[in-house]
Amino acid sequence: IDTMIPWLLKAPPTPEDRNTPLNKVHMQPLPDS
């Protein structure tokens, strides 16, 4: 949901960010980010 997305994006990037099995996410409403 809405506020989860900026909270997750605020975390400092790491080389492991893409090393995750999560491939389908529902976002409602669709954020600009």
PDB file of all heavy atoms in Angstrom:
ATOM      1  N   ILE A   1       0.845  -1.183   0.000  1.00  0.00           N
ATOM      2  CA  ILE A   1       0.000   0.000   0.000  1.00  0.00           C
ATOM      3  C   ILE A   1       0.886   1.241   0.000  1.00  0.00           C
ATOM      4  O   ILE A   1       2.106   1.165   0.162  1.00  0.00           O
ATOM      5  CB  ILE A   1      -0.980   0.003   1.185  1.00  0.00           C
ATOM      6  CG1 ILE A   1      -0.220   0.013   2.520  1.00  0.00           C
ATOM      7  CG2 ILE A   1      -1.924  -1.179   1.101  1.00  0.00           C
ATOM      8  CD1 ILE A   1      -1.127   0.186   3.719  1.00  0.00           C
ATOM      9  N   ASP A   2       0.254   2.369  -0.128  1.00  0.00           N
ATOM     10  CA  ASP A   2       0.923   3.622  -0.479  1.00  0.00           C
ATOM     11  C   ASP A   2       2.199   3.924   0.291  1.00  0.00           C
ATOM     12  O   ASP A   2       3.273   4.048  -0.291  1.00  0.00           O
ATOM     13  CB  ASP A   2      -0.072   4.772  -0.294  1.00  0.00           C
ATOM     14  CG  ASP A   2       0.522   6.114  -0.655  1.00  0.00           C
ATOM     15  OD1 ASP A   2       0.740   6.346  -1.843  1.00  0.00           O
ATOM     16  OD2 ASP A   2       0.782   6.905   0.265  1.00  0.00           O
ATOM     17  N   THR A   3       2.127   4.037   1.618  1.00  0.00           N
ATOM     18  CA  THR A   3       3.291   4.510   2.359  1.00  0.00           C
ATOM     19  C   THR A   3       4.412   3.483   2.452  1.00  0.00           C
ATOM     20  O   THR A   3       5.553   3.844   2.734  1.00  0.00           O
ATOM     21  CB  THR A   3       2.884   4.922   3.789  1.00  0.00           C
ATOM     22  OG1 THR A   3       2.135   3.859   4.396  1.00  0.00           O
ATOM     23  CG2 THR A   3       2.046   6.175   3.771  1.00  0.00           C
ATOM     24  N   MET A   4       4.104   2.209   2.230  1.00  0.00           N
ATOM     25  CA  MET A   4       5.151   1.191   2.277  1.00  0.00           C
ATOM     26  C   MET A   4       6.216   1.443   1.209  1.00  0.00           C
ATOM     27  O   MET A   4       7.403   1.176   1.423  1.00  0.00           O
ATOM     28  CB  MET A   4       4.547  -0.206   2.047  1.00  0.00           C
ATOM     29  CG  MET A   4       3.596  -0.681   3.127  1.00  0.00           C
ATOM     30  SD  MET A   4       2.911  -2.292   2.647  1.00  0.00           S
ATOM     31  CE  MET A   4       1.916  -2.682   4.093  1.00  0.00           C
ATOM     32  N   ILE A   5       5.789   1.949   0.069  1.00  0.00           N
ATOM     33  CA  ILE A   5       6.698   2.066  -1.073  1.00  0.00           C
ATOM     34  C   ILE A   5       7.791   3.104  -0.833  1.00  0.00           C
ATOM     35  O   ILE A   5       8.985   2.790  -0.965  1.00  0.00           O
ATOM     36  CB  ILE A   5       5.877   2.354  -2.352  1.00  0.00           C
ATOM     37  CG1 ILE A   5       4.932   1.175  -2.624  1.00  0.00           C
ATOM     38  CG2 ILE A   5       6.794   2.603  -3.547  1.00  0.00           C
ATOM     39  CD1 ILE A   5       3.791   1.493  -3.543  1.00  0.00           C
ATOM     40  N   PRO A   6       7.471   4.350  -0.456  1.00  0.00           N
ATOM     41  CA  PRO A   6       8.561   5.301  -0.160  1.00  0.00           C
ATOM     42  C   PRO A   6       9.422   4.867   1.017  1.00  0.00           C
ATOM     43  O   PRO A   6      10.621   5.146   1.041  1.00  0.00           O
ATOM     44  CB  PRO A   6       7.828   6.610   0.133  1.00  0.00           C
ATOM     45  CG  PRO A   6       6.412   6.247   0.386  1.00  0.00           C
ATOM     46  CD  PRO A   6       6.148   5.010  -0.403  1.00  0.00           C
ATOM     47  N   TRP A   7       8.821   4.161   2.007  1.00  0.00           N
ATOM     48  CA  TRP A   7       9.627   3.680   3.131  1.00  0.00           C
ATOM     49  C   TRP A   7      10.677   2.686   2.651  1.00  0.00           C
ATOM     50  O   TRP A   7      11.836   2.739   3.077  1.00  0.00           O
ATOM     51  CB  TRP A   7       8.732   3.023   4.180  1.00  0.00           C
ATOM     52  CG  TRP A   7       7.888   3.991   4.959  1.00  0.00           C
ATOM     53  CD1 TRP A   7       8.072   5.334   5.096  1.00  0.00           C
ATOM     54  CD2 TRP A   7       6.707   3.683   5.709  1.00  0.00           C
ATOM     55  NE1 TRP A   7       7.089   5.884   5.883  1.00  0.00           N
ATOM     56  CE2 TRP A   7       6.239   4.904   6.274  1.00  0.00           C
ATOM     57  CE3 TRP A   7       5.994   2.511   5.959  1.00  0.00           C
ATOM     58  CZ2 TRP A   7       5.093   4.961   7.072  1.00  0.00           C
ATOM     59  CZ3 TRP A   7       4.860   2.575   6.753  1.00  0.00           C
ATOM     60  CH2 TRP A   7       4.421   3.789   7.296  1.00  0.00           C
ATOM     61  N   LEU A   8      10.294   1.778   1.759  1.00  0.00           N
ATOM     62  CA  LEU A   8      11.254   0.803   1.246  1.00  0.00           C
ATOM     63  C   LEU A   8      12.298   1.469   0.356  1.00  0.00           C
ATOM     64  O   LEU A   8      13.478   1.096   0.380  1.00  0.00           O
ATOM     65  CB  LEU A   8      10.525  -0.297   0.471  1.00  0.00           C
ATOM     66  CG  LEU A   8       9.637  -1.231   1.310  1.00  0.00           C
ATOM     67  CD1 LEU A   8       8.833  -2.157   0.402  1.00  0.00           C
ATOM     68  CD2 LEU A   8      10.466  -2.054   2.288  1.00  0.00           C
ATOM     69  N   LEU A   9      11.889   2.469  -0.413  1.00  0.00           N
ATOM     70  CA  LEU A   9      12.835   3.149  -1.302  1.00  0.00           C
ATOM     71  C   LEU A   9      13.823   4.022  -0.544  1.00  0.00           C
ATOM     72  O   LEU A   9      14.910   4.314  -1.048  1.00  0.00           O
ATOM     73  CB  LEU A   9      12.072   4.000  -2.322  1.00  0.00           C
ATOM     74  CG  LEU A   9      11.381   3.238  -3.456  1.00  0.00           C
ATOM     75  CD1 LEU A   9      10.497   4.181  -4.272  1.00  0.00           C
ATOM     76  CD2 LEU A   9      12.419   2.568  -4.371  1.00  0.00           C
ATOM     77  N   LYS A  10      13.448   4.448   0.665  1.00  0.00           N
ATOM     78  CA  LYS A  10      14.353   5.300   1.453  1.00  0.00           C
ATOM     79  C   LYS A  10      15.574   4.548   1.978  1.00  0.00           C
ATOM     80  O   LYS A  10      16.590   5.165   2.322  1.00  0.00           O
ATOM     81  CB  LYS A  10      13.593   5.909   2.631  1.00  0.00           C
ATOM     82  CG  LYS A  10      12.740   7.114   2.262  1.00  0.00           C
ATOM     83  CD  LYS A  10      12.072   7.694   3.504  1.00  0.00           C
ATOM     84  CE  LYS A  10      11.243   8.918   3.166  1.00  0.00           C
ATOM     85  NZ  LYS A  10      10.580   9.486   4.379  1.00  0.00           N
ATOM     86  N   ALA A  11      15.491   3.230   2.076  1.00  0.00           N
ATOM     87  CA  ALA A  11      16.625   2.458   2.582  1.00  0.00           C
ATOM     88  C   ALA A  11      17.806   2.595   1.636  1.00  0.00           C
ATOM     89  O   ALA A  11      17.636   2.647   0.411  1.00  0.00           O
ATOM     90  CB  ALA A  11      16.238   0.988   2.717  1.00  0.00           C
ATOM     91  N   PRO A  12      19.025   2.684   2.147  1.00  0.00           N
ATOM     92  CA  PRO A  12      20.199   2.812   1.275  1.00  0.00           C
ATOM     93  C   PRO A  12      20.304   1.637   0.314  1.00  0.00           C
ATOM     94  O   PRO A  12      20.113   0.474   0.719  1.00  0.00           O
ATOM     95  CB  PRO A  12      21.381   2.814   2.265  1.00  0.00           C
ATOM     96  CG  PRO A  12      20.778   3.231   3.574  1.00  0.00           C
ATOM     97  CD  PRO A  12      19.386   2.689   3.583  1.00  0.00           C
ATOM     98  N   PRO A  13      20.579   1.878  -0.959  1.00  0.00           N
ATOM     99  CA  PRO A  13      20.716   0.781  -1.933  1.00  0.00           C
ATOM    100  C   PRO A  13      21.857  -0.157  -1.554  1.00  0.00           C
ATOM    101  O   PRO A  13      22.864   0.269  -0.969  1.00  0.00           O
ATOM    102  CB  PRO A  13      21.020   1.507  -3.246  1.00  0.00           C
ATOM    103  CG  PRO A  13      20.538   2.909  -3.036  1.00  0.00           C
ATOM    104  CD  PRO A  13      20.735   3.202  -1.578  1.00  0.00           C
ATOM    105  N   THR A  14      21.680  -1.444  -1.869  1.00  0.00           N
ATOM    106  CA  THR A  14      22.726  -2.441  -1.642  1.00  0.00           C
ATOM    107  C   THR A  14      22.839  -3.316  -2.887  1.00  0.00           C
ATOM    108  O   THR A  14      21.892  -3.404  -3.677  1.00  0.00           O
ATOM    109  CB  THR A  14      22.405  -3.339  -0.429  1.00  0.00           C
ATOM    110  OG1 THR A  14      21.375  -4.275  -0.795  1.00  0.00           O
ATOM    111  CG2 THR A  14      21.965  -2.520   0.776  1.00  0.00           C
ATOM    112  N   PRO A  15      23.966  -4.016  -3.063  1.00  0.00           N
ATOM    113  CA  PRO A  15      24.105  -4.925  -4.218  1.00  0.00           C
ATOM    114  C   PRO A  15      23.107  -6.072  -4.193  1.00  0.00           C
ATOM    115  O   PRO A  15      22.879  -6.718  -5.219  1.00  0.00           O
ATOM    116  CB  PRO A  15      25.544  -5.444  -4.060  1.00  0.00           C
ATOM    117  CG  PRO A  15      26.239  -4.424  -3.230  1.00  0.00           C
ATOM    118  CD  PRO A  15      25.210  -3.892  -2.287  1.00  0.00           C
ATOM    119  N   GLU A  16      22.505  -6.336  -3.007  1.00  0.00           N
ATOM    120  CA  GLU A  16      21.567  -7.452  -2.872  1.00  0.00           C
ATOM    121  C   GLU A  16      20.129  -7.064  -3.170  1.00  0.00           C
ATOM    122  O   GLU A  16      19.228  -7.913  -3.061  1.00  0.00           O
ATOM    123  CB  GLU A  16      21.650  -8.020  -1.447  1.00  0.00           C
ATOM    124  CG  GLU A  16      22.964  -8.696  -1.123  1.00  0.00           C
ATOM    125  CD  GLU A  16      23.192  -9.904  -2.032  1.00  0.00           C
ATOM    126  OE1 GLU A  16      22.329 -10.797  -2.058  1.00  0.00           O
ATOM    127  OE2 GLU A  16      24.231  -9.924  -2.717  1.00  0.00           O
ATOM    128  N   ASP A  17      19.869  -5.818  -3.514  1.00  0.00           N
ATOM    129  CA  ASP A  17      18.485  -5.366  -3.682  1.00  0.00           C
ATOM    130  C   ASP A  17      17.705  -6.228  -4.673  1.00  0.00           C
ATOM    131  O   ASP A  17      16.517  -6.484  -4.482  1.00  0.00           O
ATOM    132  CB  ASP A  17      18.445  -3.907  -4.131  1.00  0.00           C
ATOM    133  CG  ASP A  17      18.662  -2.944  -2.971  1.00  0.00           C
ATOM    134  OD1 ASP A  17      18.609  -3.390  -1.810  1.00  0.00           O
ATOM    135  OD2 ASP A  17      18.884  -1.746  -3.224  1.00  0.00           O
ATOM    136  N   ARG A  18      18.348  -6.645  -5.754  1.00  0.00           N
ATOM    137  CA  ARG A  18      17.643  -7.447  -6.765  1.00  0.00           C
ATOM    138  C   ARG A  18      17.707  -8.940  -6.479  1.00  0.00           C
ATOM    139  O   ARG A  18      17.083  -9.726  -7.193  1.00  0.00           O
ATOM    140  CB  ARG A  18      18.228  -7.198  -8.157  1.00  0.00           C
ATOM    141  CG  ARG A  18      17.673  -5.989  -8.849  1.00  0.00           C
ATOM    142  CD  ARG A  18      17.766  -6.188 -10.356  1.00  0.00           C
ATOM    143  NE  ARG A  18      17.450  -4.965 -11.080  1.00  0.00           N
ATOM    144  CZ  ARG A  18      17.385  -4.898 -12.399  1.00  0.00           C
ATOM    145  NH1 ARG A  18      17.629  -5.970 -13.123  1.00  0.00           N
ATOM    146  NH2 ARG A  18      17.082  -3.766 -12.996  1.00  0.00           N
ATOM    147  N   ASN A  19      18.428  -9.310  -5.475  1.00  0.00           N
ATOM    148  CA  ASN A  19      18.591 -10.739  -5.170  1.00  0.00           C
ATOM    149  C   ASN A  19      17.415 -11.221  -4.315  1.00  0.00           C
ATOM    150  O   ASN A  19      17.563 -11.582  -3.156  1.00  0.00           O
ATOM    151  CB  ASN A  19      19.916 -10.971  -4.441  1.00  0.00           C
ATOM    152  CG  ASN A  19      20.261 -12.439  -4.337  1.00  0.00           C
ATOM    153  OD1 ASN A  19      19.858 -13.243  -5.184  1.00  0.00           O
ATOM    154  ND2 ASN A  19      20.995 -12.798  -3.297  1.00  0.00           N
ATOM    155  N   THR A  20      16.239 -11.222  -4.904  1.00  0.00           N
ATOM    156  CA  THR A  20      15.015 -11.564  -4.192  1.00  0.00           C
ATOM    157  C   THR A  20      14.068 -12.295  -5.134  1.00  0.00           C
ATOM    158  O   THR A  20      14.041 -11.999  -6.341  1.00  0.00           O
ATOM    159  CB  THR A  20      14.333 -10.292  -3.635  1.00  0.00           C
ATOM    160  OG1 THR A  20      12.980 -10.596  -3.287  1.00  0.00           O
ATOM    161  CG2 THR A  20      14.312  -9.179  -4.654  1.00  0.00           C
ATOM    162  N   PRO A  21      13.269 -13.231  -4.626  1.00  0.00           N
ATOM    163  CA  PRO A  21      12.322 -13.954  -5.485  1.00  0.00           C
ATOM    164  C   PRO A  21      11.047 -13.179  -5.782  1.00  0.00           C
ATOM    165  O   PRO A  21      10.227 -13.626  -6.590  1.00  0.00           O
ATOM    166  CB  PRO A  21      12.013 -15.214  -4.665  1.00  0.00           C
ATOM    167  CG  PRO A  21      12.182 -14.791  -3.246  1.00  0.00           C
ATOM    168  CD  PRO A  21      13.313 -13.799  -3.259  1.00  0.00           C
ATOM    169  N   LEU A  22      10.848 -12.017  -5.152  1.00  0.00           N
ATOM    170  CA  LEU A  22       9.607 -11.274  -5.332  1.00  0.00           C
ATOM    171  C   LEU A  22       9.536 -10.727  -6.758  1.00  0.00           C
ATOM    172  O   LEU A  22      10.355  -9.900  -7.158  1.00  0.00           O
ATOM    173  CB  LEU A  22       9.529 -10.126  -4.327  1.00  0.00           C
ATOM    174  CG  LEU A  22       8.204  -9.360  -4.276  1.00  0.00           C
ATOM    175  CD1 LEU A  22       7.062 -10.269  -3.827  1.00  0.00           C
ATOM    176  CD2 LEU A  22       8.315  -8.155  -3.345  1.00  0.00           C
ATOM    177  N   ASN A  23       8.550 -11.184  -7.532  1.00  0.00           N
ATOM    178  CA  ASN A  23       8.449 -10.727  -8.921  1.00  0.00           C
ATOM    179  C   ASN A  23       7.086 -10.162  -9.294  1.00  0.00           C
ATOM    180  O   ASN A  23       6.931  -9.564 -10.344  1.00  0.00           O
ATOM    181  CB  ASN A  23       8.829 -11.864  -9.887  1.00  0.00           C
ATOM    182  CG  ASN A  23       7.905 -13.071  -9.762  1.00  0.00           C
ATOM    183  OD1 ASN A  23       6.782 -13.076 -10.251  1.00  0.00           O
ATOM    184  ND2 ASN A  23       8.393 -14.129  -9.116  1.00  0.00           N
ATOM    185  N   LYS A  24       6.076 -10.331  -8.437  1.00  0.00           N
ATOM    186  CA  LYS A  24       4.721  -9.807  -8.703  1.00  0.00           C
ATOM    187  C   LYS A  24       4.258  -9.008  -7.493  1.00  0.00           C
ATOM    188  O   LYS A  24       4.128  -9.549  -6.404  1.00  0.00           O
ATOM    189  CB  LYS A  24       3.743 -10.954  -8.946  1.00  0.00           C
ATOM    190  CG  LYS A  24       3.995 -11.759 -10.202  1.00  0.00           C
ATOM    191  CD  LYS A  24       3.067 -12.950 -10.294  1.00  0.00           C
ATOM    192  CE  LYS A  24       3.506 -14.079  -9.386  1.00  0.00           C
ATOM    193  NZ  LYS A  24       4.738 -14.737  -9.797  1.00  0.00           N
ATOM    194  N   VAL A  25       4.001  -7.716  -7.678  1.00  0.00           N
ATOM    195  CA  VAL A  25       3.566  -6.857  -6.579  1.00  0.00           C
ATOM    196  C   VAL A  25       2.345  -6.064  -7.026  1.00  0.00           C
ATOM    197  O   VAL A  25       2.336  -5.487  -8.115  1.00  0.00           O
ATOM    198  CB  VAL A  25       4.691  -5.899  -6.133  1.00  0.00           C
ATOM    199  CG1 VAL A  25       4.166  -4.923  -5.089  1.00  0.00           C
ATOM    200  CG2 VAL A  25       5.864  -6.684  -5.551  1.00  0.00           C
ATOM    201  N   HIS A  26       1.334  -6.050  -6.175  1.00  0.00           N
ATOM    202  CA  HIS A  26       0.151  -5.225  -6.452  1.00  0.00           C
ATOM    203  C   HIS A  26       0.317  -3.891  -5.739  1.00  0.00           C
ATOM    204  O   HIS A  26       0.619  -3.849  -4.544  1.00  0.00           O
ATOM    205  CB  HIS A  26      -1.122  -5.921  -5.968  1.00  0.00           C
ATOM    206  CG  HIS A  26      -2.371  -5.200  -6.384  1.00  0.00           C
ATOM    207  ND1 HIS A  26      -2.845  -5.227  -7.676  1.00  0.00           N
ATOM    208  CD2 HIS A  26      -3.240  -4.414  -5.674  1.00  0.00           C
ATOM    209  CE1 HIS A  26      -3.955  -4.507  -7.759  1.00  0.00           C
ATOM    210  NE2 HIS A  26      -4.212  -3.995  -6.545  1.00  0.00           N
ATOM    211  N   MET A  27       0.110  -2.797  -6.468  1.00  0.00           N
ATOM    212  CA  MET A  27       0.196  -1.450  -5.910  1.00  0.00           C
ATOM    213  C   MET A  27      -1.075  -0.697  -6.289  1.00  0.00           C
ATOM    214  O   MET A  27      -1.385  -0.584  -7.482  1.00  0.00           O
ATOM    215  CB  MET A  27       1.412  -0.704  -6.454  1.00  0.00           C
ATOM    216  CG  MET A  27       2.742  -1.338  -6.111  1.00  0.00           C
ATOM    217  SD  MET A  27       4.131  -0.348  -6.776  1.00  0.00           S
ATOM    218  CE  MET A  27       5.529  -1.372  -6.291  1.00  0.00           C
ATOM    219  N   GLN A  28      -1.775  -0.225  -5.307  1.00  0.00           N
ATOM    220  CA  GLN A  28      -3.039   0.470  -5.579  1.00  0.00           C
ATOM    221  C   GLN A  28      -3.181   1.637  -4.618  1.00  0.00           C
ATOM    222  O   GLN A  28      -3.289   1.409  -3.412  1.00  0.00           O
ATOM    223  CB  GLN A  28      -4.202  -0.512  -5.412  1.00  0.00           C
ATOM    224  CG  GLN A  28      -5.539   0.009  -5.878  1.00  0.00           C
ATOM    225  CD  GLN A  28      -6.620  -1.072  -5.824  1.00  0.00           C
ATOM    226  OE1 GLN A  28      -6.451  -2.161  -6.367  1.00  0.00           O
ATOM    227  NE2 GLN A  28      -7.700  -0.774  -5.149  1.00  0.00           N
ATOM    228  N   PRO A  29      -3.169   2.869  -5.125  1.00  0.00           N
ATOM    229  CA  PRO A  29      -3.031   3.265  -6.524  1.00  0.00           C
ATOM    230  C   PRO A  29      -1.600   3.112  -7.024  1.00  0.00           C
ATOM    231  O   PRO A  29      -0.667   3.024  -6.226  1.00  0.00           O
ATOM    232  CB  PRO A  29      -3.450   4.733  -6.494  1.00  0.00           C
ATOM    233  CG  PRO A  29      -3.055   5.195  -5.133  1.00  0.00           C
ATOM    234  CD  PRO A  29      -3.316   4.029  -4.224  1.00  0.00           C
ATOM    235  N   LEU A  30      -1.444   3.115  -8.332  1.00  0.00           N
ATOM    236  CA  LEU A  30      -0.114   2.993  -8.927  1.00  0.00           C
ATOM    237  C   LEU A  30       0.691   4.250  -8.637  1.00  0.00           C
ATOM    238  O   LEU A  30       0.286   5.343  -9.018  1.00  0.00           O
ATOM    239  CB  LEU A  30      -0.230   2.775 -10.434  1.00  0.00           C
ATOM    240  CG  LEU A  30       1.080   2.477 -11.160  1.00  0.00           C
ATOM    241  CD1 LEU A  30       1.596   1.099 -10.779  1.00  0.00           C
ATOM    242  CD2 LEU A  30       0.886   2.567 -12.668  1.00  0.00           C
ATOM    243  N   PRO A  31       1.849   4.145  -7.965  1.00  0.00           N
ATOM    244  CA  PRO A  31       2.631   5.341  -7.632  1.00  0.00           C
ATOM    245  C   PRO A  31       3.507   5.781  -8.798  1.00  0.00           C
ATOM    246  O   PRO A  31       3.814   4.999  -9.706  1.00  0.00           O
ATOM    247  CB  PRO A  31       3.489   4.862  -6.459  1.00  0.00           C
ATOM    248  CG  PRO A  31       3.714   3.400  -6.746  1.00  0.00           C
ATOM    249  CD  PRO A  31       2.437   2.916  -7.401  1.00  0.00           C
ATOM    250  N   ASP A  32       3.912   7.036  -8.745  1.00  0.00           N
ATOM    251  CA  ASP A  32       4.837   7.541  -9.766  1.00  0.00           C
ATOM    252  C   ASP A  32       6.157   6.776  -9.741  1.00  0.00           C
ATOM    253  O   ASP A  32       6.861   6.714 -10.749  1.00  0.00           O
ATOM    254  CB  ASP A  32       5.104   9.032  -9.542  1.00  0.00           C
ATOM    255  CG  ASP A  32       3.865   9.884  -9.765  1.00  0.00           C
ATOM    256  OD1 ASP A  32       2.981   9.457 -10.522  1.00  0.00           O
ATOM    257  OD2 ASP A  32       3.775  10.972  -9.166  1.00  0.00           O
ATOM    258  N   SER A  33       6.484   6.195  -8.592  1.00  0.00           N
ATOM    259  CA  SER A  33       7.789   5.544  -8.415  1.00  0.00           C
ATOM    260  C   SER A  33       7.772   4.062  -8.785  1.00  0.00           C
ATOM    261  O   SER A  33       8.703   3.337  -8.437  1.00  0.00           O
ATOM    262  CB  SER A  33       8.231   5.686  -6.952  1.00  0.00           C
ATOM    263  OG  SER A  33       7.257   5.128  -6.076  1.00  0.00           O
TER     264      SER A  33
END
